[in-house]
C-alpha atoms as a PDB file:
ATOM      1  CA  MET A   1      89.782 127.739  90.630  1.00  0.00           C
ATOM      2  CA  LYS A   2      90.797 131.377  90.166  1.00  0.00           C
ATOM      3  CA  LYS A   3      90.493 130.838  86.489  1.00  0.00           C
ATOM      4  CA  LEU A   4      87.856 129.067  86.775  1.00  0.00           C
ATOM      5  CA  ILE A   5      85.965 131.577  89.254  1.00  0.00           C
ATOM      6  CA  SER A   6      87.101 134.170  86.102  1.00  0.00           C
ATOM      7  CA  ILE A   7      85.886 131.934  83.397  1.00  0.00           C
ATOM      8  CA  ALA A   8      82.808 131.119  84.395  1.00  0.00           C
ATOM      9  CA  CYS A   9      81.158 134.291  85.468  1.00  0.00           C
ATOM     10  CA  VAL A  10      79.296 134.787  82.839  1.00  0.00           C
ATOM     11  CA  SER A  11      76.971 131.376  83.191  1.00  0.00           C
ATOM     12  CA  VAL A  12      76.299 127.973  83.265  1.00  0.00           C
ATOM     13  CA  LEU A  13      75.631 125.738  80.580  1.00  0.00           C
ATOM     14  CA  LEU A  14      78.053 121.133  84.996  1.00  0.00           C
ATOM     15  CA  ALA A  15     102.439 100.264 101.838  1.00  0.00           C
ATOM     16  CA  ALA A  16     102.182  96.653 103.712  1.00  0.00           C
ATOM     17  CA  CYS A  17     104.559  96.288 105.977  1.00  0.00           C
ATOM     18  CA  GLY A  18     107.140  93.576 106.892  1.00  0.00           C
ATOM     19  CA  GLY A  19     106.630  90.764 109.048  1.00  0.00           C
ATOM     20  CA  GLY A  20     108.823  87.917 110.757  1.00  0.00           C
ATOM     21  CA  GLY A  21     109.332  90.338 113.723  1.00  0.00           C
ATOM     22  CA  ASP A  22     110.765  93.046 111.731  1.00  0.00           C
ATOM     23  CA  ASP A  23     110.122  96.550 113.499  1.00  0.00           C
ATOM     24  CA  THR A  24     111.269  98.795 111.119  1.00  0.00           C
ATOM     25  CA  ALA A  25     108.703 101.422 110.468  1.00  0.00           C
ATOM     26  CA  ALA A  26     107.035 100.948 106.366  1.00  0.00           C
ATOM     27  CA  PRO A  27     108.334 103.773 104.521  1.00  0.00           C
ATOM     28  CA  ALA A  28     105.586 107.414 104.117  1.00  0.00           C
ATOM     29  CA  ALA A  29     103.670 107.470 101.626  1.00  0.00           C
ATOM     30  CA  GLY A  30     104.974 109.948  99.044  1.00  0.00           C
ATOM     31  CA  PRO A  31     103.332 112.449  97.521  1.00  0.00           C
ATOM     32  CA  THR A  32      99.975 111.941  95.664  1.00  0.00           C
ATOM     33  CA  ALA A  33      98.544 114.706  92.505  1.00  0.00           C
ATOM     34  CA  GLU A  34      95.920 115.768  95.543  1.00  0.00           C
ATOM     35  CA  GLY A  35      94.791 119.314  95.185  1.00  0.00           C
ATOM     36  CA  PHE A  36      93.381 121.834  92.609  1.00  0.00           C
ATOM     37  CA  TRP A  37      94.589 122.386  89.042  1.00  0.00           C
ATOM     38  CA  GLY A  38      93.659 123.961  86.197  1.00  0.00           C
ATOM     39  CA  GLY A  39      94.774 124.212  82.523  1.00  0.00           C
ATOM     40  CA  THR A  40      93.720 124.084  79.346  1.00  0.00           C
ATOM     41  CA  ALA A  41      92.677 121.328  77.391  1.00  0.00           C
ATOM     42  CA  SER A  42      94.526 119.829  73.708  1.00  0.00           C
ATOM     43  CA  SER A  43      90.373 120.386  72.448  1.00  0.00           C
ATOM     44  CA  GLY A  44      90.853 124.442  73.964  1.00  0.00           C
ATOM     45  CA  ALA A  45      88.407 124.298  77.040  1.00  0.00           C
ATOM     46  CA  GLU A  46      89.269 125.439  80.537  1.00  0.00           C
ATOM     47  CA  VAL A  47      89.708 122.881  82.923  1.00  0.00           C
ATOM     48  CA  PHE A  48      89.593 122.517  86.452  1.00  0.00           C
ATOM     49  CA  LEU A  49      89.864 119.480  88.704  1.00  0.00           C
ATOM     50  CA  ALA A  50      89.962 118.716  92.150  1.00  0.00           C
ATOM     51  CA  ILE A  51      92.023 115.842  93.096  1.00  0.00           C
ATOM     52  CA  LEU A  52      90.508 114.975  97.309  1.00  0.00           C
ATOM     53  CA  GLU A  53      93.056 112.713  99.329  1.00  0.00           C
ATOM     54  CA  ASN A  54      91.004 109.864  98.642  1.00  0.00           C
ATOM     55  CA  GLY A  55      92.000 110.162  95.132  1.00  0.00           C
ATOM     56  CA  GLU A  56      88.169 111.196  94.731  1.00  0.00           C
ATOM     57  CA  THR A  57      87.876 113.707  91.940  1.00  0.00           C
ATOM     58  CA  TRP A  58      86.024 116.476  90.359  1.00  0.00           C
ATOM     59  CA  GLY A  59      86.002 118.453  87.569  1.00  0.00           C
ATOM     60  CA  ALA A  60      84.221 121.100  85.508  1.00  0.00           C
ATOM     61  CA  TYR A  61      85.183 122.969  82.037  1.00  0.00           C
ATOM     62  CA  THR A  62      84.539 125.105  80.459  1.00  0.00           C
ATOM     63  CA  SER A  63      83.604 126.385  76.269  1.00  0.00           C
ATOM     64  CA  GLY A  64      83.823 130.181  75.301  1.00  0.00           C
ATOM     65  CA  ASP A  65      82.277 132.204  78.649  1.00  0.00           C
ATOM     66  CA  SER A  66      80.262 129.026  80.290  1.00  0.00           C
ATOM     67  CA  ILE A  67      80.299 125.943  81.831  1.00  0.00           C
ATOM     68  CA  ALA A  68      80.339 123.288  79.022  1.00  0.00           C
ATOM     69  CA  GLY A  69      80.728 119.609  81.906  1.00  0.00           C
ATOM     70  CA  ALA A  70      81.108 117.294  84.920  1.00  0.00           C
ATOM     71  CA  LEU A  71      83.617 115.583  85.419  1.00  0.00           C
ATOM     72  CA  TYR A  72      83.730 112.351  87.872  1.00  0.00           C
ATOM     73  CA  GLY A  73      85.663 109.775  88.578  1.00  0.00           C
ATOM     74  CA  ASN A  74      88.911 108.496  90.708  1.00  0.00           C
ATOM     75  CA  THR A  75      93.087 108.784  90.844  1.00  0.00           C
ATOM     76  CA  THR A  76      95.076 106.569  91.677  1.00  0.00           C
ATOM     77  CA  SER A  77      99.004 108.823  92.241  1.00  0.00           C
ATOM     78  CA  SER A  78     102.392 107.570  93.228  1.00  0.00           C
ATOM     79  CA  GLY A  79     105.615 108.324  92.444  1.00  0.00           C
ATOM     80  CA  GLY A  80     104.712 110.869  89.697  1.00  0.00           C
ATOM     81  CA  LYS A  81     102.766 108.923  87.911  1.00  0.00           C
ATOM     82  CA  LEU A  82      98.306 108.993  87.683  1.00  0.00           C
ATOM     83  CA  SER A  83      95.868 107.159  86.564  1.00  0.00           C
ATOM     84  CA  GLY A  84      92.082 106.604  86.725  1.00  0.00           C
ATOM     85  CA  SER A  85      88.436 106.129  85.296  1.00  0.00           C
ATOM     86  CA  GLY A  86      85.361 108.618  85.317  1.00  0.00           C
ATOM     87  CA  ARG A  87      82.323 109.819  83.854  1.00  0.00           C
ATOM     88  CA  ASP A  88      82.287 113.241  80.736  1.00  0.00           C
ATOM     89  CA  PHE A  89      78.859 114.926  81.794  1.00  0.00           C
ATOM     90  CA  ASN A  90      78.758 117.200  78.462  1.00  0.00           C
ATOM     91  CA  ILE A  91      75.979 119.735  78.721  1.00  0.00           C
ATOM     92  CA  PRO A  92      75.788 120.844  75.316  1.00  0.00           C
ATOM     93  CA  SER A  93      75.476 117.317  73.981  1.00  0.00           C
ATOM     94  CA  ARG A  94      73.344 115.775  76.892  1.00  0.00           C
ATOM     95  CA  THR A  95      75.354 112.941  76.454  1.00  0.00           C
ATOM     96  CA  VAL A  96      77.997 111.058  79.219  1.00  0.00           C
ATOM     97  CA  THR A  97      81.127 109.281  78.425  1.00  0.00           C
ATOM     98  CA  THR A  98      83.491 107.225  80.297  1.00  0.00           C
ATOM     99  CA  ALA A  99      87.029 107.303  79.594  1.00  0.00           C
ATOM    100  CA  SER A 100      90.558 105.902  81.752  1.00  0.00           C
ATOM    101  CA  TYR A 101      93.067 108.523  81.691  1.00  0.00           C
ATOM    102  CA  SER A 102      96.895 108.511  82.619  1.00  0.00           C
ATOM    103  CA  GLY A 103      99.445 110.819  83.053  1.00  0.00           C
ATOM    104  CA  SER A 104     101.807 112.250  85.348  1.00  0.00           C
ATOM    105  CA  PHE A 105     102.965 115.328  87.622  1.00  0.00           C
ATOM    106  CA  THR A 106     104.581 116.869  90.202  1.00  0.00           C
ATOM    107  CA  ALA A 107     103.321 117.283  93.435  1.00  0.00           C
ATOM    108  CA  LYS A 108     101.573 121.099  93.997  1.00  0.00           C
ATOM    109  CA  THR A 109     103.032 122.639  91.101  1.00  0.00           C
ATOM    110  CA  SER A 110     101.989 120.649  87.687  1.00  0.00           C
ATOM    111  CA  ILE A 111     100.256 117.654  86.035  1.00  0.00           C
ATOM    112  CA  SER A 112      99.932 116.312  83.064  1.00  0.00           C
ATOM    113  CA  LEU A 113      96.728 113.824  81.675  1.00  0.00           C
ATOM    114  CA  SER A 114      96.128 112.533  78.542  1.00  0.00           C
ATOM    115  CA  ALA A 115      92.441 110.278  77.892  1.00  0.00           C
ATOM    116  CA  SER A 116      90.611 109.556  74.493  1.00  0.00           C
ATOM    117  CA  GLY A 117      93.348 111.742  72.371  1.00  0.00           C
ATOM    118  CA  THR A 118      92.830 114.803  74.236  1.00  0.00           C
ATOM    119  CA  THR A 119      95.442 116.637  76.560  1.00  0.00           C
ATOM    120  CA  LEU A 120      95.297 118.551  79.597  1.00  0.00           C
ATOM    121  CA  ASN A 121      98.651 120.175  81.397  1.00  0.00           C
ATOM    122  CA  GLY A 122      97.569 122.200  84.827  1.00  0.00           C
ATOM    123  CA  THR A 123      98.925 123.902  87.389  1.00  0.00           C
ATOM    124  CA  TYR A 124      98.500 123.410  91.301  1.00  0.00           C
ATOM    125  CA  ASP A 125      96.407 126.341  92.876  1.00  0.00           C
ATOM    126  CA  SER A 126      97.685 127.068  96.214  1.00  0.00           C
ATOM    127  CA  ASP A 127      93.770 127.471  97.416  1.00  0.00           C
ATOM    128  CA  TYR A 128      93.493 124.380  97.671  1.00  0.00           C
ATOM    129  CA  ASP A 129      95.992 124.692 101.548  1.00  0.00           C
ATOM    130  CA  THR A 130      94.041 126.936 102.698  1.00  0.00           C
ATOM    131  CA  ALA A 131      92.085 126.695 105.834  1.00  0.00           C
ATOM    132  CA  PRO A 132      88.126 126.130 104.979  1.00  0.00           C
ATOM    133  CA  SER A 133      86.184 128.928 106.943  1.00  0.00           C
ATOM    134  CA  LEU A 134      82.069 127.778 107.514  1.00  0.00           C
ATOM    135  CA  ALA A 135      81.777 131.907 108.415  1.00  0.00           C
ATOM    136  CA  ALA A 136      83.048 133.409 105.235  1.00  0.00           C
ATOM    137  CA  LEU A 137      81.225 130.522 102.570  1.00  0.00           C
ATOM    138  CA  THR A 138      77.861 131.586 105.335  1.00  0.00           C
ATOM    139  CA  GLY A 139      75.417 134.202 102.854  1.00  0.00           C
ATOM    140  CA  SER A 140      73.124 134.136 100.014  1.00  0.00           C
ATOM    141  CA  TYR A 141      73.856 133.184  96.461  1.00  0.00           C
ATOM    142  CA  SER A 142      72.706 133.938  93.575  1.00  0.00           C
ATOM    143  CA  GLY A 143      73.342 132.163  89.964  1.00  0.00           C
ATOM    144  CA  SER A 144      72.745 129.362  87.878  1.00  0.00           C
ATOM    145  CA  GLY A 145      72.262 125.517  87.762  1.00  0.00           C
ATOM    146  CA  VAL A 146      71.392 122.712  85.678  1.00  0.00           C
ATOM    147  CA  SER A 147      71.687 118.569  85.344  1.00  0.00           C
ATOM    148  CA  GLY A 148      72.104 116.530  82.730  1.00  0.00           C
ATOM    149  CA  ASN A 149      67.845 116.794  82.196  1.00  0.00           C
ATOM    150  CA  SER A 150      67.060 120.348  82.599  1.00  0.00           C
ATOM    151  CA  SER A 151      67.679 123.848  81.027  1.00  0.00           C
ATOM    152  CA  VAL A 152      70.140 126.720  82.441  1.00  0.00           C
ATOM    153  CA  GLN A 153      68.296 127.953  86.010  1.00  0.00           C
ATOM    154  CA  SER A 154      68.334 131.250  88.126  1.00  0.00           C
ATOM    155  CA  ILE A 155      68.482 129.700  91.347  1.00  0.00           C
ATOM    156  CA  THR A 156      68.997 131.529  95.167  1.00  0.00           C
ATOM    157  CA  VAL A 157      70.615 129.373  97.777  1.00  0.00           C
ATOM    158  CA  THR A 158      71.566 130.232 100.878  1.00  0.00           C
ATOM    159  CA  ILE A 159      73.845 128.934 103.401  1.00  0.00           C
ATOM    160  CA  SER A 160      73.690 129.126 107.150  1.00  0.00           C
ATOM    161  CA  PRO A 161      76.276 129.727 110.515  1.00  0.00           C
ATOM    162  CA  ALA A 162      75.593 126.115 111.015  1.00  0.00           C
ATOM    163  CA  GLY A 163      76.374 124.956 107.875  1.00  0.00           C
ATOM    164  CA  ALA A 164      72.511 124.444 106.264  1.00  0.00           C
ATOM    165  CA  VAL A 165      71.628 124.723 102.818  1.00  0.00           C
ATOM    166  CA  SER A 166      67.910 125.694 101.366  1.00  0.00           C
ATOM    167  CA  THR A 167      66.732 126.745  97.920  1.00  0.00           C
ATOM    168  CA  PRO A 168      63.258 128.713  97.843  1.00  0.00           C
ATOM    169  CA  GLY A 169      61.092 126.686  95.366  1.00  0.00           C
ATOM    170  CA  SER A 170      60.835 127.092  92.115  1.00  0.00           C
ATOM    171  CA  MET A 171      57.894 125.747  89.705  1.00  0.00           C
ATOM    172  CA  GLY A 172      57.754 122.851  91.736  1.00  0.00           C
ATOM    173  CA  CYS A 173      60.749 122.108  93.688  1.00  0.00           C
ATOM    174  CA  SER A 174      63.128 123.192  96.647  1.00  0.00           C
ATOM    175  CA  ALA A 175      66.411 121.916  97.742  1.00  0.00           C
ATOM    176  CA  ALA A 176      67.603 121.506 101.372  1.00  0.00           C
ATOM    177  CA  GLY A 177      70.457 119.962 102.850  1.00  0.00           C
ATOM    178  CA  THR A 178      74.130 120.483 104.654  1.00  0.00           C
ATOM    179  CA  VAL A 179      77.610 121.776 104.287  1.00  0.00           C
ATOM    180  CA  ALA A 180      80.501 121.157 106.172  1.00  0.00           C
ATOM    181  CA  PRO A 181      84.693 121.389 105.500  1.00  0.00           C
ATOM    182  CA  ARG A 182      85.896 118.199 104.153  1.00  0.00           C
ATOM    183  CA  PRO A 183      88.549 115.944 107.346  1.00  0.00           C
ATOM    184  CA  SER A 184      91.161 116.714 105.405  1.00  0.00           C
ATOM    185  CA  GLY A 185      91.455 120.384 106.674  1.00  0.00           C
ATOM    186  CA  LYS A 186      91.742 121.498 103.057  1.00  0.00           C
ATOM    187  CA  ASN A 187      89.932 124.495 101.618  1.00  0.00           C
ATOM    188  CA  ILE A 188      86.926 121.729  99.905  1.00  0.00           C
ATOM    189  CA  PHE A 189      83.437 121.317 101.107  1.00  0.00           C
ATOM    190  CA  ASN A 190      81.373 118.265 101.310  1.00  0.00           C
ATOM    191  CA  VAL A 191      77.571 118.801  99.979  1.00  0.00           C
ATOM    192  CA  SER A 192      74.765 116.880 100.351  1.00  0.00           C
ATOM    193  CA  MET A 193      70.878 118.251  98.759  1.00  0.00           C
ATOM    194  CA  THR A 194      68.004 116.568  98.474  1.00  0.00           C
ATOM    195  CA  PHE A 195      65.428 117.462  96.264  1.00  0.00           C
ATOM    196  CA  THR A 196      61.479 117.842  97.655  1.00  0.00           C
ATOM    197  CA  GLY A 197      58.662 118.386  94.251  1.00  0.00           C
ATOM    198  CA  SER A 198      57.547 116.522  91.309  1.00  0.00           C
ATOM    199  CA  SER A 199      59.012 118.888  89.062  1.00  0.00           C
ATOM    200  CA  CYS A 200      62.209 118.351  90.136  1.00  0.00           C
ATOM    201  CA  ALA A 201      64.272 117.725  87.486  1.00  0.00           C
ATOM    202  CA  LEU A 202      66.933 114.876  89.175  1.00  0.00           C
ATOM    203  CA  GLY A 203      63.287 113.072  91.084  1.00  0.00           C
ATOM    204  CA  ASN A 204      61.252 114.096  93.835  1.00  0.00           C
ATOM    205  CA  GLY A 205      63.015 112.505  96.851  1.00  0.00           C
ATOM    206  CA  THR A 206      66.360 112.712  95.226  1.00  0.00           C
ATOM    207  CA  GLN A 207      69.661 112.422  97.430  1.00  0.00           C
ATOM    208  CA  THR A 208      72.909 114.105  95.667  1.00  0.00           C
ATOM    209  CA  ASN A 209      76.385 114.816  97.227  1.00  0.00           C
ATOM    210  CA  GLY A 210      79.283 116.487  96.170  1.00  0.00           C
ATOM    211  CA  ILE A 211      82.067 119.172  96.777  1.00  0.00           C
ATOM    212  CA  ALA A 212      81.717 122.777  96.661  1.00  0.00           C
ATOM    213  CA  VAL A 213      84.520 124.914  96.705  1.00  0.00           C
ATOM    214  CA  TYR A 214      84.476 128.589  97.834  1.00  0.00           C
ATOM    215  CA  ASP A 215      86.901 131.849  96.497  1.00  0.00           C
ATOM    216  CA  PRO A 216      86.613 134.459  99.004  1.00  0.00           C
ATOM    217  CA  GLU A 217      88.551 136.770  97.039  1.00  0.00           C
ATOM    218  CA  SER A 218      85.466 136.838  94.206  1.00  0.00           C
ATOM    219  CA  GLN A 219      82.692 135.589  96.746  1.00  0.00           C
ATOM    220  CA  LYS A 220      81.942 132.703  94.327  1.00  0.00           C
ATOM    221  CA  VAL A 221      81.453 128.974  94.821  1.00  0.00           C
ATOM    222  CA  LEU A 222      81.145 126.028  92.441  1.00  0.00           C
ATOM    223  CA  VAL A 223      79.538 123.280  94.049  1.00  0.00           C
ATOM    224  CA  LEU A 224      79.875 119.602  91.783  1.00  0.00           C
ATOM    225  CA  ALA A 225      76.952 116.864  93.127  1.00  0.00           C
ATOM    226  CA  MET A 226      75.588 113.542  91.465  1.00  0.00           C
ATOM    227  CA  ASN A 227      73.141 110.939  93.149  1.00  0.00           C
ATOM    228  CA  SER A 228      73.596 108.037  94.525  1.00  0.00           C
ATOM    229  CA  ALA A 229      74.089 105.716  91.082  1.00  0.00           C
ATOM    230  CA  LYS A 230      76.157 108.697  89.412  1.00  0.00           C
ATOM    231  CA  SER A 231      74.549 108.207  86.872  1.00  0.00           C
ATOM    232  CA  ASP A 232      73.429 112.108  87.310  1.00  0.00           C
ATOM    233  CA  GLY A 233      73.389 115.186  88.998  1.00  0.00           C
ATOM    234  CA  TYR A 234      73.960 119.520  88.711  1.00  0.00           C
ATOM    235  CA  ILE A 235      76.894 122.141  88.864  1.00  0.00           C
ATOM    236  CA  TYR A 236      75.964 125.071  90.677  1.00  0.00           C
ATOM    237  CA  PHE A 237      77.462 128.290  90.247  1.00  0.00           C
ATOM    238  CA  GLY A 238      76.899 131.571  92.590  1.00  0.00           C
ATOM    239  CA  GLY A 239      77.784 134.587  93.320  1.00  0.00           C
ATOM    240  CA  LYS A 240      77.082 136.445  96.948  1.00  0.00           C
ATOM    241  CA  THR A 241      74.634 138.278  97.482  1.00  0.00           C
ATOM    242  CA  LYS A 242      74.908 139.246 101.026  1.00  0.00           C
END
């Protein structure tokens, strides 16, 4: 997260048990690839990945000083190996591609992925293991947002102590919703937002769900969310103003 924050601050471009009366307990599940990961892909892009406890995977990648795209998929991991599939939402080209990926990992240390001829070698970010704080997240943010069908826009976001999120109406579109720590107890938040207005790029009444990652050191937040069809969504990156 820290690596992504430092790069993206300029702008945004989005076991089974045995039977037969055997009372032996099933072996505990081994380590998984859950956590925050950051690294440089063979394409030159800097990549941030959040692999959640349920395997759901979110990410963003940069081109130069800008976030150039978002990633969404599902990852299965065990025994130091992982695999998955997902979608790449490329902002400059306005394209969505699907791909499968595979690789290896050492829990809480390193990760190596390969997908469609591109490789990524990354390291673990221990910020994932700190306790989430809604109190720290509370405040007003100024930043940039973009969806698959819109240009980059400057957006102000307010988060209340109770976790209510709102954005002011801008050019006929506003949004409101909630943010809350995930039940996993890790430093990541669930976000749900509904857009209202005839000019909303995602459509009037569209509800989105995703994640928010907050870095208390830089006081910056990254939000990645998608509509119910997983066909479009938005990226928001902002810094706290108060």
